[in-house]
Amino acid sequence: MINSVEQIQVLSGEAIELLKRLIETPSFSKEETNTAQLLEDFFNKKSIPFERLKNNIWAKNLHFDEAKPTILLNSHHDTVKPNKSWTLDPFKAIEEDGKLFGLGSNDAGGCLVSLIATFCYFYDRQDLKYNIIIATTAEEEISGKEGLEIVAPLLPEIAFAIVGEPTEMHLAVAEKGLLVLDCTAKGKSGHAAREEGDNAIYKALKDIEWIIGYQFPKVSPSLGPIKMSVTIINAGTQHNVVPDSCVFTVDVRVTDQYTLEEIINEIQQNIHSEVVPRSIRLRPSSIPVDHPIVLEGLKLGRNTYGSPTTSDQALLDCPSLKMGPGHSARSHSADEFIYLHEIEEGITQYIQMLEGVVTQ
């Protein structure tokens, strides 16, 4: 049980002050050194030992026991760059009408500080049946390779994770993976005025037609069907030359019904173009709907859903739940904000859910 309303208010107050400092410290992806230092200072002030690798910082609960399973709490402290539509200073934390404005306030600063507060709540408890690790990581916004991806191998085996992203504290029990494919149709060049060559654009169009019309048979109960979109196409050098090559890019949003390798194989077997994946790192992720942490969320009136967007969940090889205070529609938007009450409610609900799991 949560000890008191006053304890939550103290945790919320500390979280909001930390968020203000994070907002006012630029932390674009790959440039998070200064926010990492802020987080170091926070843990030092709390006398909580931590580890750091590049701009990633993580800490374990005081009574960490290797014999117990471990829960990971994770969110990121990097941000995108502000777009040109901002009317406020994106690096100034402004409180107004119950809102806190600033770049990264919603994505994912509010989630990050709420998870840190939750970790602090459980930090010195001796009655836990789970260990708890907080990981504040970098490069999430660019799916970078020096964020959670380099931290995860250094952690003990994780029983399950909560990844902080703005979901209005609803339960994203599944998340689509991302597969970006560069496809090349090969032809033969020739003069456009004569019956010469083999037009690579026409070959690519036939493959694109298949991509537009194909539906993968297995449909995810929570994420729906796989979605394929052709997003870039390049061919030709001048108007009178039949192109011998046409390159097009396919954005594939993958569900938990297929592996990325299965998707690549299915596409390659049905089109003539060469198919080259840019990466197979960003895999779909999920957690069973009857998992204890999900059931605790349902008790609080939260809803389950499947998320079409990717996050650092894709880098975890364990059941993971995406949830956090804030609204995804505010992410990357001009004059980004989070409601102050969302942070307090987020901390409260995180604690209530974990309390129901770690002390049973």
Foldseek 3Di string as FASTA:
>chain_A
DPPDPVLLVVLLVVLVVLLQVLQLDAAAFVRNQVNLVSVVVVCVVVVFDWDDDRSKIKGKAPPDDPVAAEEEEEEESHFHDADPPAPDDQNGFDDDPQKTWHTCAQRFSLQLSLVVSLCVVCRHDPQWRYMYMYMYWGDFVVPDCRTVLVVVVVDDDHQEYEYEHADQQFKAQKEWFKWKKKWKFFKFKDFQVDPDIGASVVQVVVLVVCLVPDWDPDADPFAGTKHKDWDDKDFDDDDGMRTGMIIIMIIITHTPVDQPVVVQVVSVVPGDIDIDIPDRQGHMAGADCPPQLNVQSVVVVHHYHHHHDGTCRSNDPHRYIYYAHHHPVLGSHHRRIGRSVSSSVRSVSVNSSVVSPTND
